[in-house]
Protein backbone atom coordinates (compact mmCIF):
# COMPACT_ATOMS: atom_id res chain seq x y z
CA UNK A 1 226.12 27.54 92.17
CA UNK A 2 227.00 23.88 91.17
CA UNK A 3 225.81 22.24 87.99
CA UNK A 4 223.91 19.95 90.34
CA UNK A 5 221.91 23.00 91.93
CA UNK A 6 221.17 24.66 88.71
CA UNK A 7 217.71 24.38 86.81
CA UNK A 8 217.53 22.74 83.59
CA UNK A 9 217.05 25.91 81.81
CA UNK A 10 220.04 27.49 83.51
CA UNK A 11 222.15 24.31 82.35
CA UNK A 12 220.80 24.64 78.98
CA UNK A 13 222.00 28.22 78.62
CA UNK A 14 225.25 27.64 80.16
CA UNK A 15 225.96 24.52 77.97
CA UNK A 16 224.98 26.64 74.79
CA UNK A 17 227.46 29.33 76.04
CA UNK A 18 230.35 26.63 75.95
CA UNK A 19 230.21 25.17 79.59
CA UNK A 20 231.46 21.54 79.47
CA UNK A 21 230.45 21.09 83.07
CA UNK A 22 226.88 22.18 82.35
CA UNK A 23 226.69 20.05 79.24
CA UNK A 24 227.92 16.93 81.27
CA UNK A 25 225.41 17.61 84.02
CA UNK A 26 222.54 18.15 81.67
CA UNK A 27 223.03 14.76 79.77
CA UNK A 28 223.63 12.99 83.13
CA UNK A 29 220.41 14.15 84.31
CA UNK A 30 218.60 12.37 81.45
CA UNK A 31 220.92 9.44 80.62
CA UNK A 32 219.21 6.82 82.91
CA UNK A 33 215.62 7.40 81.70
CA UNK A 34 216.85 7.69 78.17
CA UNK A 35 218.60 4.31 78.43
CA UNK A 36 215.51 2.83 79.97
CA UNK A 37 213.32 4.03 77.10
CA UNK A 38 215.93 2.90 74.43
CA UNK A 39 216.12 -0.69 76.00
CA UNK A 40 212.47 -1.24 75.99
CA UNK A 41 212.04 0.27 72.61
CA UNK A 42 214.85 -1.26 70.84
CA UNK A 43 214.55 -4.67 72.93
CA UNK A 44 218.45 -5.39 72.42
CA UNK A 45 220.91 -4.19 74.99
CA UNK A 46 223.69 -3.63 72.50
CA UNK A 47 221.39 -1.45 70.38
CA UNK A 48 220.14 0.36 73.37
CA UNK A 49 223.77 1.16 74.53
CA UNK A 50 224.48 2.53 71.00
CA UNK A 51 221.40 4.45 70.73
CA UNK A 52 222.18 6.14 74.47
CA UNK A 53 225.56 7.06 73.05
CA UNK A 54 224.55 8.28 69.67
CA UNK A 55 221.64 10.36 71.32
CA UNK A 56 223.53 12.03 73.84
CA UNK A 57 226.29 12.96 71.27
CA UNK A 58 223.71 14.16 68.93
CA UNK A 59 222.14 16.19 71.54
CA UNK A 60 225.53 17.61 72.59
CA UNK A 61 226.23 18.70 68.92
CA UNK A 62 222.71 20.12 68.31
CA UNK A 63 222.17 21.90 71.63
CA UNK A 64 223.12 25.23 70.21
CA UNK A 65 220.10 24.88 67.81
CA UNK A 66 217.68 23.77 70.64
CA UNK A 67 215.07 26.52 70.95
CA UNK A 68 213.22 25.09 73.88
CA UNK A 69 209.95 24.64 72.01
CA UNK A 70 209.66 21.47 73.89
CA UNK A 71 211.19 20.24 77.08
CA UNK A 72 214.83 18.88 77.11
CA UNK A 73 213.44 15.37 77.78
CA UNK A 74 210.91 15.35 74.96
CA UNK A 75 213.77 16.32 72.64
CA UNK A 76 216.05 13.77 73.87
CA UNK A 77 213.36 10.88 73.50
CA UNK A 78 212.65 12.24 69.83
CA UNK A 79 216.34 11.83 69.07
CA UNK A 80 216.54 8.34 70.82
CA UNK A 81 213.49 7.14 68.94
CA UNK A 82 214.99 8.09 65.71
CA UNK A 83 218.11 6.07 66.39
CA UNK A 84 216.28 3.00 67.72
CA UNK A 85 214.09 3.09 64.45
CA UNK A 86 217.34 2.97 62.26
CA UNK A 87 218.60 0.16 64.45
CA UNK A 88 215.35 -1.83 63.96
CA UNK A 89 215.68 -1.25 60.22
CA UNK A 90 218.97 -3.09 60.31
CA UNK A 91 217.74 -5.85 62.61
CA UNK A 92 214.45 -6.48 60.67
CA UNK A 93 215.49 -10.15 60.17
CA UNK A 94 217.16 -10.60 63.43
CA UNK A 95 215.28 -12.45 66.22
CA UNK A 96 213.59 -10.36 68.89
CA UNK A 97 214.99 -10.19 72.41
CA UNK A 98 211.98 -10.11 74.54
CA UNK A 99 213.42 -9.86 78.00
CA UNK A 100 216.16 -7.46 79.15
CA UNK A 101 217.71 -8.59 82.55
CA UNK A 102 214.57 -9.51 84.01
CA UNK A 103 216.23 -12.20 85.93
CA UNK A 104 218.95 -9.74 87.29
CA UNK A 105 219.18 -8.90 91.00
CA UNK A 106 217.90 -5.43 92.24
CA UNK A 107 221.58 -4.70 93.30
CA UNK A 108 222.87 -5.45 89.66
CA UNK A 109 220.34 -3.06 88.33
CA UNK A 110 221.46 -0.39 90.71
CA UNK A 111 218.21 -0.28 92.45
CA UNK A 112 218.27 0.03 96.17
CA UNK A 113 217.04 -3.29 97.81
CA UNK A 114 214.62 -2.81 100.54
CA UNK A 115 215.09 -6.32 101.59
CA UNK A 116 211.53 -7.34 101.47
CA UNK A 117 210.60 -10.85 102.49
CA UNK A 118 211.65 -13.68 100.05
CA UNK A 119 208.14 -14.46 98.93
CA UNK A 120 207.36 -10.65 98.40
CA UNK A 121 210.61 -10.32 96.44
CA UNK A 122 209.85 -13.11 94.28
CA UNK A 123 206.43 -12.12 93.55
CA UNK A 124 207.73 -8.59 92.66
CA UNK A 125 210.43 -10.01 90.37
CA UNK A 126 207.83 -12.25 88.69
CA UNK A 127 205.64 -9.34 88.02
CA UNK A 128 208.42 -7.12 86.73
CA UNK A 129 209.57 -9.84 84.45
CA UNK A 130 206.04 -10.43 83.04
CA UNK A 131 205.62 -6.71 82.70
CA UNK A 132 208.84 -6.51 80.54
CA UNK A 133 207.74 -9.44 78.30
CA UNK A 134 204.26 -7.88 77.84
CA UNK A 135 205.64 -4.46 76.81
CA UNK A 136 208.26 -6.22 74.58
CA UNK A 137 205.46 -8.05 72.78
CA UNK A 138 203.50 -5.18 71.81
CA UNK A 139 203.94 -3.94 68.10
CA UNK A 140 206.56 -0.97 68.07
CA UNK A 141 203.90 1.72 67.12
CA UNK A 142 202.01 0.67 70.34
CA UNK A 143 205.09 -0.08 72.46
CA UNK A 144 206.50 3.44 71.82
CA UNK A 145 203.46 5.51 72.82
CA UNK A 146 202.96 3.36 76.02
CA UNK A 147 206.50 3.63 77.02
CA UNK A 148 206.45 7.49 76.28
CA UNK A 149 203.13 8.17 78.09
CA UNK A 150 202.90 5.43 80.98
CA UNK A 151 206.41 4.77 81.76
CA UNK A 152 208.34 7.88 81.00
CA UNK A 153 205.22 10.23 82.00
CA UNK A 154 205.20 12.46 79.03
CA UNK A 155 201.80 14.15 78.18
CA UNK A 156 199.90 12.98 75.25
CA UNK A 157 200.88 16.26 73.31
CA UNK A 158 204.52 15.57 74.09
CA UNK A 159 204.15 11.99 72.90
CA UNK A 160 202.75 13.46 69.68
CA UNK A 161 205.59 15.78 69.40
CA UNK A 162 208.14 12.92 69.78
CA UNK A 163 206.40 10.75 67.30
CA UNK A 164 204.98 12.91 64.67
CA UNK A 165 201.57 11.77 65.10
CA UNK A 166 198.57 13.79 65.83
CA UNK A 167 197.32 13.70 69.46
CA UNK A 168 194.09 11.78 68.55
CA UNK A 169 196.24 9.29 66.85
CA UNK A 170 198.54 8.98 69.83
CA UNK A 171 195.48 8.28 72.14
CA UNK A 172 194.01 5.69 69.99
CA UNK A 173 197.29 3.67 70.00
CA UNK A 174 197.69 4.14 73.62
CA UNK A 175 194.21 2.81 74.45
CA UNK A 176 194.94 -0.38 72.22
CA UNK A 177 198.41 -0.69 73.95
CA UNK A 178 196.86 -0.45 77.39
CA UNK A 179 194.01 -2.89 76.51
CA UNK A 180 196.70 -5.31 75.32
CA UNK A 181 198.80 -4.89 78.14
CA UNK A 182 196.13 -5.38 80.79
CA UNK A 183 194.82 -8.69 78.71
CA UNK A 184 198.28 -10.10 78.86
CA UNK A 185 198.89 -9.60 82.45
CA UNK A 186 195.36 -10.10 83.68
CA UNK A 187 196.02 -13.39 85.40
CA UNK A 188 198.76 -11.93 87.49
CA UNK A 189 197.07 -8.55 88.51
CA UNK A 190 193.34 -9.45 88.69
CA UNK A 191 192.26 -9.26 92.45
CA UNK A 192 192.26 -12.75 94.06
CA UNK A 193 189.10 -14.31 93.36
CA UNK A 194 187.72 -11.68 90.92
CA UNK A 195 186.20 -12.69 87.60
CA UNK A 196 187.42 -11.07 84.47
CA UNK A 197 185.08 -9.06 82.19
CA UNK A 198 182.86 -11.28 79.94
CA UNK A 199 181.34 -10.75 76.56
CA UNK A 200 177.99 -9.47 78.07
CA UNK A 201 176.21 -7.22 75.43
CA UNK A 202 175.19 -5.09 78.20
CA UNK A 203 178.67 -4.04 79.24
CA UNK A 204 180.41 -1.05 77.44
CA UNK A 205 183.90 -1.45 76.21
CA UNK A 206 184.89 -0.63 79.89
CA UNK A 207 188.85 -0.89 79.59
CA UNK A 208 188.83 1.53 76.59
CA UNK A 209 186.23 3.95 78.39
CA UNK A 210 188.35 3.88 81.51
CA UNK A 211 191.62 4.61 79.55
CA UNK A 212 189.83 7.53 77.81
CA UNK A 213 188.69 8.71 81.17
CA UNK A 214 192.24 8.77 82.39
CA UNK A 215 193.23 11.00 79.41
CA UNK A 216 190.23 13.34 80.23
CA UNK A 217 188.45 12.53 76.93
CA UNK A 218 184.90 11.67 78.37
CA UNK A 219 182.25 14.04 79.55
CA UNK A 220 180.99 14.29 83.10
CA UNK A 221 177.78 12.52 82.28
CA UNK A 222 179.65 9.63 80.47
CA UNK A 223 181.86 9.35 83.44
CA UNK A 224 178.83 9.21 85.90
CA UNK A 225 177.30 6.56 83.66
CA UNK A 226 180.78 4.54 83.82
CA UNK A 227 180.80 4.78 87.51
CA UNK A 228 177.24 3.64 87.82
CA UNK A 229 177.89 0.60 85.69
CA UNK A 230 181.10 -0.24 87.69
CA UNK A 231 179.40 -0.08 90.95
CA UNK A 232 177.07 -3.03 89.96
CA UNK A 233 179.32 -5.00 87.66
CA UNK A 234 182.21 -6.82 89.37
CA UNK A 235 183.75 -8.24 86.33
CA UNK A 236 184.02 -4.70 84.76
CA UNK A 237 185.30 -3.34 87.90
CA UNK A 238 187.96 -5.98 88.14
CA UNK A 239 189.00 -5.13 84.49
CA UNK A 240 189.41 -1.41 85.49
CA UNK A 241 191.26 -2.46 88.73
CA UNK A 242 193.50 -4.73 86.63
CA UNK A 243 194.27 -1.57 84.19
CA UNK A 244 195.17 0.53 87.24
CA UNK A 245 197.53 -2.09 88.49
CA UNK A 246 199.28 -2.41 85.18
CA UNK A 247 199.59 1.39 84.82
CA UNK A 248 201.05 1.52 88.34
CA UNK A 249 203.60 -1.06 87.58
CA UNK A 250 204.62 0.91 84.31
CA UNK A 251 204.88 4.22 86.25
CA UNK A 252 207.09 2.49 89.11
CA UNK A 253 209.35 0.72 86.55
CA UNK A 254 212.90 1.38 87.96
CA UNK A 255 215.57 3.32 86.00
CA UNK A 256 218.39 0.70 84.95
CA UNK A 257 221.82 1.57 85.90
CA UNK A 258 223.73 2.84 82.93
CA UNK A 259 226.97 0.50 82.84
CA UNK A 260 230.09 2.48 84.01
CA UNK A 261 232.01 1.53 80.87
CA UNK A 262 229.06 3.14 78.81
CA UNK A 263 229.16 6.14 80.99
CA UNK A 264 232.82 6.57 80.52
CA UNK A 265 232.68 6.04 76.68
CA UNK A 266 230.08 8.80 76.51
CA UNK A 267 231.80 11.24 78.66
CA UNK A 268 234.96 10.65 76.53
CA UNK A 269 233.16 11.18 73.42
CA UNK A 270 231.58 14.45 74.75
CA UNK A 271 235.14 15.60 76.14
CA UNK A 272 236.46 15.03 72.69
CA UNK A 273 233.67 16.94 71.13
CA UNK A 274 234.05 19.94 73.35
CA UNK A 275 237.94 19.78 72.72
CA UNK A 276 237.31 19.88 68.83
CA UNK A 277 234.97 22.85 69.40
CA UNK A 278 237.60 24.70 71.45
CA UNK A 279 240.25 24.06 68.90
CA UNK A 280 237.97 25.43 66.22
CA UNK A 281 237.30 28.55 68.14
CA UNK A 282 240.95 29.15 68.72
CA UNK A 283 241.70 28.59 65.24
CA UNK A 284 239.18 31.18 64.22
CA UNK A 285 240.44 33.73 66.54
CA UNK A 286 244.04 33.23 65.27
CA UNK A 287 243.30 33.43 61.59
């Protein structure tokens, strides 16, 4: 069975037994998503490339101690987050780089181009750029939970393991991040002609309530009251529809192509690491 056909558990077991092919295949499975996370959390291309390399090498070195208490992806995100935080501390006085390749072509990012009509392609590009800016504009504590939960698809419990927060703390930050993102993108994602939620005292905090509903944190009775309110309140309905669209955009964010030069650099470093391990093993056997 080739490394491509193996399950992740099989690859982990083989890599821990010394299979270089299995280790490379395991890391390759996760590198694009890890690179996407690093780029959006670090906000600097050079930092993200360093973080990807450092994270994959740290994973290669530490795989023997990986006990499977979490998924491999959760473990890797935790490693990458740690390296991003270190990079941020070094750049504390550096200007933030808000946008990352938002004007690049689909082909340059390695994303298949379905050749939509020019106006649709322009609109999609505009929305993608706006989403990038909105995510980059979030404070890091909110940005990281939104990236992990709504872009990378981790559960709230997995996000808690990555960040070291409690699950309630993760959800509190997530609701605030979603609200901020919806508010920023509202002019672009609101249905044509729809009014935004006003300041009516009779309206509940519908965006937070709907966000909690998505996390399964409201009772059936509260959910029924929310649906009843939405049926008769067009502004609140528009707000919820806007949040749905924002989250859809997050979930469909394309994985950026990892630069070929960076891939070669990582592969070379992993090969060097494996060679060192084989040399140490040979030395122990001959002593």
